[in-house]
């Protein structure tokens, strides 16, 4: 019974990270469901940062194609 508050705290902190990351994914042109990677223990947030840093953003491709 003592574990429930800790799990609840982890869930709240996860949501505090998940919601802004989902908004970043949406603005970048990715599906916001990719933000669920933050819930992977240990390296989930690292995967999010790597994906956002290394993959070409779909919305930038659209702007470049229409801007020429």
PDB file of N, CA and C in Angstrom:
ATOM      1  N   UNK A   1       0.813  -1.203   0.000  1.00  0.00           N
ATOM      2  CA  UNK A   1       0.000   0.000   0.000  1.00  0.00           C
ATOM      3  C   UNK A   1       0.852   1.261   0.000  1.00  0.00           C
ATOM      4  N   UNK A   2       2.061   1.175   0.523  1.00  0.00           N
ATOM      5  CA  UNK A   2       2.933   2.339   0.570  1.00  0.00           C
ATOM      6  C   UNK A   2       3.509   2.665  -0.813  1.00  0.00           C
ATOM      7  N   UNK A   3       3.437   1.729  -1.762  1.00  0.00           N
ATOM      8  CA  UNK A   3       4.009   1.954  -3.073  1.00  0.00           C
ATOM      9  C   UNK A   3       3.109   2.830  -3.942  1.00  0.00           C
ATOM     10  N   UNK A   4       1.841   2.891  -3.673  1.00  0.00           N
ATOM     11  CA  UNK A   4       0.918   3.653  -4.512  1.00  0.00           C
ATOM     12  C   UNK A   4       1.279   5.125  -4.625  1.00  0.00           C
ATOM     13  N   UNK A   5       1.622   5.811  -3.553  1.00  0.00           N
ATOM     14  CA  UNK A   5       1.991   7.226  -3.714  1.00  0.00           C
ATOM     15  C   UNK A   5       3.220   7.421  -4.601  1.00  0.00           C
ATOM     16  N   UNK A   6       4.201   6.511  -4.536  1.00  0.00           N
ATOM     17  CA  UNK A   6       5.379   6.636  -5.379  1.00  0.00           C
ATOM     18  C   UNK A   6       5.025   6.426  -6.843  1.00  0.00           C
ATOM     19  N   UNK A   7       4.186   5.462  -7.128  1.00  0.00           N
ATOM     20  CA  UNK A   7       3.763   5.208  -8.501  1.00  0.00           C
ATOM     21  C   UNK A   7       2.965   6.402  -9.015  1.00  0.00           C
ATOM     22  N   UNK A   8       2.139   6.971  -8.168  1.00  0.00           N
ATOM     23  CA  UNK A   8       1.350   8.138  -8.555  1.00  0.00           C
ATOM     24  C   UNK A   8       2.257   9.323  -8.864  1.00  0.00           C
ATOM     25  N   UNK A   9       3.294   9.504  -8.071  1.00  0.00           N
ATOM     26  CA  UNK A   9       4.240  10.595  -8.309  1.00  0.00           C
ATOM     27  C   UNK A   9       4.990  10.392  -9.620  1.00  0.00           C
ATOM     28  N   UNK A  10       5.389   9.175  -9.900  1.00  0.00           N
ATOM     29  CA  UNK A  10       6.077   8.878 -11.159  1.00  0.00           C
ATOM     30  C   UNK A  10       5.153   9.150 -12.337  1.00  0.00           C
ATOM     31  N   UNK A  11       3.889   8.794 -12.212  1.00  0.00           N
ATOM     32  CA  UNK A  11       2.922   9.028 -13.273  1.00  0.00           C
ATOM     33  C   UNK A  11       2.729  10.521 -13.522  1.00  0.00           C
ATOM     34  N   UNK A  12       2.635  11.298 -12.463  1.00  0.00           N
ATOM     35  CA  UNK A  12       2.458  12.748 -12.599  1.00  0.00           C
ATOM     36  C   UNK A  12       3.684  13.378 -13.264  1.00  0.00           C
ATOM     37  N   UNK A  13       4.870  12.982 -12.847  1.00  0.00           N
ATOM     38  CA  UNK A  13       6.084  13.519 -13.458  1.00  0.00           C
ATOM     39  C   UNK A  13       6.156  13.104 -14.927  1.00  0.00           C
ATOM     40  N   UNK A  14       5.766  11.873 -15.230  1.00  0.00           N
ATOM     41  CA  UNK A  14       5.731  11.413 -16.615  1.00  0.00           C
ATOM     42  C   UNK A  14       4.789  12.237 -17.462  1.00  0.00           C
ATOM     43  N   UNK A  15       3.632  12.584 -16.916  1.00  0.00           N
ATOM     44  CA  UNK A  15       2.691  13.421 -17.656  1.00  0.00           C
ATOM     45  C   UNK A  15       3.225  14.838 -17.845  1.00  0.00           C
ATOM     46  N   UNK A  16       3.942  15.345 -16.845  1.00  0.00           N
ATOM     47  CA  UNK A  16       4.524  16.675 -16.971  1.00  0.00           C
ATOM     48  C   UNK A  16       5.589  16.731 -18.066  1.00  0.00           C
ATOM     49  N   UNK A  17       6.178  15.598 -18.378  1.00  0.00           N
ATOM     50  CA  UNK A  17       7.134  15.532 -19.479  1.00  0.00           C
ATOM     51  C   UNK A  17       6.411  15.179 -20.778  1.00  0.00           C
ATOM     52  N   UNK A  18       5.434  14.273 -20.709  1.00  0.00           N
ATOM     53  CA  UNK A  18       4.739  13.758 -21.892  1.00  0.00           C
ATOM     54  C   UNK A  18       3.979  14.849 -22.646  1.00  0.00           C
ATOM     55  N   UNK A  19       3.281  15.698 -21.944  1.00  0.00           N
ATOM     56  CA  UNK A  19       2.431  16.710 -22.595  1.00  0.00           C
ATOM     57  C   UNK A  19       3.269  17.713 -23.400  1.00  0.00           C
ATOM     58  N   UNK A  20       4.315  18.321 -22.843  1.00  0.00           N
ATOM     59  CA  UNK A  20       5.109  19.241 -23.668  1.00  0.00           C
ATOM     60  C   UNK A  20       5.827  18.543 -24.821  1.00  0.00           C
ATOM     61  N   UNK A  21       6.304  17.326 -24.590  1.00  0.00           N
ATOM     62  CA  UNK A  21       6.979  16.603 -25.664  1.00  0.00           C
ATOM     63  C   UNK A  21       5.982  16.277 -26.777  1.00  0.00           C
ATOM     64  N   UNK A  22       4.747  15.951 -26.425  1.00  0.00           N
ATOM     65  CA  UNK A  22       3.715  15.717 -27.434  1.00  0.00           C
ATOM     66  C   UNK A  22       3.439  16.961 -28.256  1.00  0.00           C
ATOM     67  N   UNK A  23       3.432  18.110 -27.614  1.00  0.00           N
ATOM     68  CA  UNK A  23       3.243  19.368 -28.345  1.00  0.00           C
ATOM     69  C   UNK A  23       4.423  19.660 -29.272  1.00  0.00           C
ATOM     70  N   UNK A  24       5.628  19.344 -28.820  1.00  0.00           N
ATOM     71  CA  UNK A  24       6.809  19.551 -29.661  1.00  0.00           C
ATOM     72  C   UNK A  24       6.741  18.642 -30.880  1.00  0.00           C
ATOM     73  N   UNK A  25       6.357  17.385 -30.666  1.00  0.00           N
ATOM     74  CA  UNK A  25       6.229  16.459 -31.793  1.00  0.00           C
ATOM     75  C   UNK A  25       5.189  16.958 -32.787  1.00  0.00           C
ATOM     76  N   UNK A  26       4.072  17.465 -32.305  1.00  0.00           N
ATOM     77  CA  UNK A  26       3.026  17.946 -33.208  1.00  0.00           C
ATOM     78  C   UNK A  26       3.518  19.138 -34.024  1.00  0.00           C
ATOM     79  N   UNK A  27       4.215  20.078 -33.388  1.00  0.00           N
ATOM     80  CA  UNK A  27       4.729  21.245 -34.113  1.00  0.00           C
ATOM     81  C   UNK A  27       5.838  20.865 -35.089  1.00  0.00           C
ATOM     82  N   UNK A  28       6.569  19.798 -34.794  1.00  0.00           N
ATOM     83  CA  UNK A  28       7.631  19.343 -35.684  1.00  0.00           C
ATOM     84  C   UNK A  28       7.070  18.566 -36.872  1.00  0.00           C
ATOM     85  N   UNK A  29       5.815  18.161 -36.801  1.00  0.00           N
ATOM     86  CA  UNK A  29       5.203  17.429 -37.898  1.00  0.00           C
ATOM     87  C   UNK A  29       5.143  15.934 -37.680  1.00  0.00           C
ATOM     88  N   UNK A  30       5.584  15.456 -36.537  1.00  0.00           N
ATOM     89  CA  UNK A  30       5.491  14.037 -36.200  1.00  0.00           C
ATOM     90  C   UNK A  30       4.172  13.765 -35.502  1.00  0.00           C
ATOM     91  N   UNK A  31       3.813  12.490 -35.410  1.00  0.00           N
ATOM     92  CA  UNK A  31       2.608  12.123 -34.666  1.00  0.00           C
ATOM     93  C   UNK A  31       2.901  12.268 -33.174  1.00  0.00           C
ATOM     94  N   UNK A  32       2.016  12.923 -32.418  1.00  0.00           N
ATOM     95  CA  UNK A  32       2.284  13.153 -30.984  1.00  0.00           C
ATOM     96  C   UNK A  32       2.367  11.879 -30.150  1.00  0.00           C
ATOM     97  N   UNK A  33       1.906  10.756 -30.673  1.00  0.00           N
ATOM     98  CA  UNK A  33       1.985   9.506 -29.909  1.00  0.00           C
ATOM     99  C   UNK A  33       3.432   9.069 -29.676  1.00  0.00           C
ATOM    100  N   UNK A  34       4.367   9.569 -30.481  1.00  0.00           N
ATOM    101  CA  UNK A  34       5.772   9.260 -30.255  1.00  0.00           C
ATOM    102  C   UNK A  34       6.245   9.764 -28.897  1.00  0.00           C
ATOM    103  N   UNK A  35       5.523  10.690 -28.303  1.00  0.00           N
ATOM    104  CA  UNK A  35       5.898  11.216 -26.987  1.00  0.00           C
ATOM    105  C   UNK A  35       5.793  10.147 -25.911  1.00  0.00           C
ATOM    106  N   UNK A  36       5.108   9.044 -26.197  1.00  0.00           N
ATOM    107  CA  UNK A  36       4.997   7.957 -25.220  1.00  0.00           C
ATOM    108  C   UNK A  36       6.354   7.315 -24.944  1.00  0.00           C
ATOM    109  N   UNK A  37       7.354   7.602 -25.767  1.00  0.00           N
ATOM    110  CA  UNK A  37       8.697   7.077 -25.516  1.00  0.00           C
ATOM    111  C   UNK A  37       9.260   7.561 -24.186  1.00  0.00           C
ATOM    112  N   UNK A  38       8.767   8.682 -23.676  1.00  0.00           N
ATOM    113  CA  UNK A  38       9.303   9.197 -22.411  1.00  0.00           C
ATOM    114  C   UNK A  38       9.003   8.258 -21.247  1.00  0.00           C
ATOM    115  N   UNK A  39       8.050   7.353 -21.414  1.00  0.00           N
ATOM    116  CA  UNK A  39       7.711   6.427 -20.335  1.00  0.00           C
ATOM    117  C   UNK A  39       8.620   5.200 -20.305  1.00  0.00           C
ATOM    118  N   UNK A  40       9.513   5.044 -21.291  1.00  0.00           N
ATOM    119  CA  UNK A  40      10.465   3.942 -21.247  1.00  0.00           C
ATOM    120  C   UNK A  40      11.501   4.231 -20.170  1.00  0.00           C
ATOM    121  N   UNK A  41      11.697   3.311 -19.275  1.00  0.00           N
ATOM    122  CA  UNK A  41      12.636   3.582 -18.183  1.00  0.00           C
ATOM    123  C   UNK A  41      14.082   3.638 -18.681  1.00  0.00           C
ATOM    124  N   UNK A  42      14.792   4.594 -18.183  1.00  0.00           N
ATOM    125  CA  UNK A  42      16.214   4.690 -18.455  1.00  0.00           C
ATOM    126  C   UNK A  42      16.581   5.516 -19.663  1.00  0.00           C
ATOM    127  N   UNK A  43      16.129   5.125 -20.834  1.00  0.00           N
ATOM    128  CA  UNK A  43      16.598   5.800 -22.033  1.00  0.00           C
ATOM    129  C   UNK A  43      15.470   6.343 -22.909  1.00  0.00           C
ATOM    130  N   UNK A  44      14.259   6.425 -22.407  1.00  0.00           N
ATOM    131  CA  UNK A  44      13.135   6.918 -23.193  1.00  0.00           C
ATOM    132  C   UNK A  44      13.284   8.368 -23.600  1.00  0.00           C
ATOM    133  N   UNK A  45      13.655   9.218 -22.667  1.00  0.00           N
ATOM    134  CA  UNK A  45      13.833  10.637 -22.983  1.00  0.00           C
ATOM    135  C   UNK A  45      15.009  10.837 -23.926  1.00  0.00           C
ATOM    136  N   UNK A  46      16.033  10.018 -23.784  1.00  0.00           N
ATOM    137  CA  UNK A  46      17.168  10.080 -24.706  1.00  0.00           C
ATOM    138  C   UNK A  46      16.718   9.727 -26.124  1.00  0.00           C
ATOM    139  N   UNK A  47      15.857   8.729 -26.281  1.00  0.00           N
ATOM    140  CA  UNK A  47      15.330   8.380 -27.599  1.00  0.00           C
ATOM    141  C   UNK A  47      14.534   9.525 -28.207  1.00  0.00           C
ATOM    142  N   UNK A  48      13.765  10.208 -27.384  1.00  0.00           N
ATOM    143  CA  UNK A  48      12.993  11.355 -27.867  1.00  0.00           C
ATOM    144  C   UNK A  48      13.933  12.433 -28.389  1.00  0.00           C
ATOM    145  N   UNK A  49      14.953  12.768 -27.615  1.00  0.00           N
ATOM    146  CA  UNK A  49      15.897  13.800 -28.031  1.00  0.00           C
ATOM    147  C   UNK A  49      16.653  13.388 -29.293  1.00  0.00           C
ATOM    148  N   UNK A  50      17.052  12.126 -29.384  1.00  0.00           N
ATOM    149  CA  UNK A  50      17.767  11.649 -30.565  1.00  0.00           C
ATOM    150  C   UNK A  50      16.882  11.716 -31.802  1.00  0.00           C
ATOM    151  N   UNK A  51      15.618  11.320 -31.651  1.00  0.00           N
ATOM    152  CA  UNK A  51      14.706  11.347 -32.788  1.00  0.00           C
ATOM    153  C   UNK A  51      14.467  12.772 -33.267  1.00  0.00           C
ATOM    154  N   UNK A  52      14.243  13.690 -32.332  1.00  0.00           N
ATOM    155  CA  UNK A  52      14.006  15.073 -32.719  1.00  0.00           C
ATOM    156  C   UNK A  52      15.257  15.733 -33.290  1.00  0.00           C
ATOM    157  N   UNK A  53      16.416  15.319 -32.842  1.00  0.00           N
ATOM    158  CA  UNK A  53      17.652  15.946 -33.302  1.00  0.00           C
ATOM    159  C   UNK A  53      18.133  15.391 -34.637  1.00  0.00           C
ATOM    160  N   UNK A  54      17.925  14.103 -34.881  1.00  0.00           N
ATOM    161  CA  UNK A  54      18.564  13.478 -36.032  1.00  0.00           C
ATOM    162  C   UNK A  54      17.643  13.236 -37.229  1.00  0.00           C
ATOM    163  N   UNK A  55      16.349  13.136 -37.024  1.00  0.00           N
ATOM    164  CA  UNK A  55      15.444  12.900 -38.149  1.00  0.00           C
ATOM    165  C   UNK A  55      15.035  14.221 -38.796  1.00  0.00           C
ATOM    166  N   UNK A  56      14.860  14.215 -40.110  1.00  0.00           N
ATOM    167  CA  UNK A  56      14.340  15.434 -40.744  1.00  0.00           C
ATOM    168  C   UNK A  56      12.885  15.651 -40.355  1.00  0.00           C
ATOM    169  N   UNK A  57      12.542  16.877 -40.057  1.00  0.00           N
ATOM    170  CA  UNK A  57      11.194  17.179 -39.604  1.00  0.00           C
ATOM    171  C   UNK A  57      10.255  17.288 -40.803  1.00  0.00           C
ATOM    172  N   UNK A  58       9.120  16.594 -40.778  1.00  0.00           N
ATOM    173  CA  UNK A  58       8.193  16.635 -41.915  1.00  0.00           C
ATOM    174  C   UNK A  58       7.679  18.039 -42.240  1.00  0.00           C
ATOM    175  N   UNK A  59       7.427  18.870 -41.261  1.00  0.00           N
ATOM    176  CA  UNK A  59       6.904  20.207 -41.558  1.00  0.00           C
ATOM    177  C   UNK A  59       7.967  21.091 -42.213  1.00  0.00           C
ATOM    178  N   UNK A  60       9.246  20.851 -41.974  1.00  0.00           N
ATOM    179  CA  UNK A  60      10.297  21.620 -42.638  1.00  0.00           C
ATOM    180  C   UNK A  60      10.403  21.230 -44.107  1.00  0.00           C
ATOM    181  N   UNK A  61      10.185  19.961 -44.434  1.00  0.00           N
ATOM    182  CA  UNK A  61      10.203  19.529 -45.824  1.00  0.00           C
ATOM    183  C   UNK A  61       9.082  20.222 -46.594  1.00  0.00           C
ATOM    184  N   UNK A  62       7.895  20.328 -46.005  1.00  0.00           N
ATOM    185  CA  UNK A  62       6.779  20.974 -46.666  1.00  0.00           C
ATOM    186  C   UNK A  62       7.069  22.449 -46.918  1.00  0.00           C
ATOM    187  N   UNK A  63       7.659  23.128 -45.949  1.00  0.00           N
ATOM    188  CA  UNK A  63       7.971  24.554 -46.100  1.00  0.00           C
ATOM    189  C   UNK A  63       9.044  24.753 -47.165  1.00  0.00           C
ATOM    190  N   UNK A  64      10.027  23.865 -47.219  1.00  0.00           N
ATOM    191  CA  UNK A  64      11.100  23.989 -48.212  1.00  0.00           C
ATOM    192  C   UNK A  64      10.573  23.742 -49.624  1.00  0.00           C
ATOM    193  N   UNK A  65       9.637  22.816 -49.779  1.00  0.00           N
ATOM    194  CA  UNK A  65       9.101  22.517 -51.100  1.00  0.00           C
ATOM    195  C   UNK A  65       8.238  23.656 -51.618  1.00  0.00           C
ATOM    196  N   UNK A  66       7.459  24.288 -50.742  1.00  0.00           N
ATOM    197  CA  UNK A  66       6.594  25.379 -51.176  1.00  0.00           C
ATOM    198  C   UNK A  66       7.346  26.700 -51.267  1.00  0.00           C
ATOM    199  N   UNK A  67       8.488  26.820 -50.576  1.00  0.00           N
ATOM    200  CA  UNK A  67       9.232  28.067 -50.556  1.00  0.00           C
ATOM    201  C   UNK A  67      10.100  28.282 -51.786  1.00  0.00           C
ATOM    202  N   UNK A  68      10.369  27.219 -52.561  1.00  0.00           N
ATOM    203  CA  UNK A  68      11.232  27.366 -53.740  1.00  0.00           C
ATOM    204  C   UNK A  68      10.516  27.976 -54.904  1.00  0.00           C
TER     205      UNK A  68
END
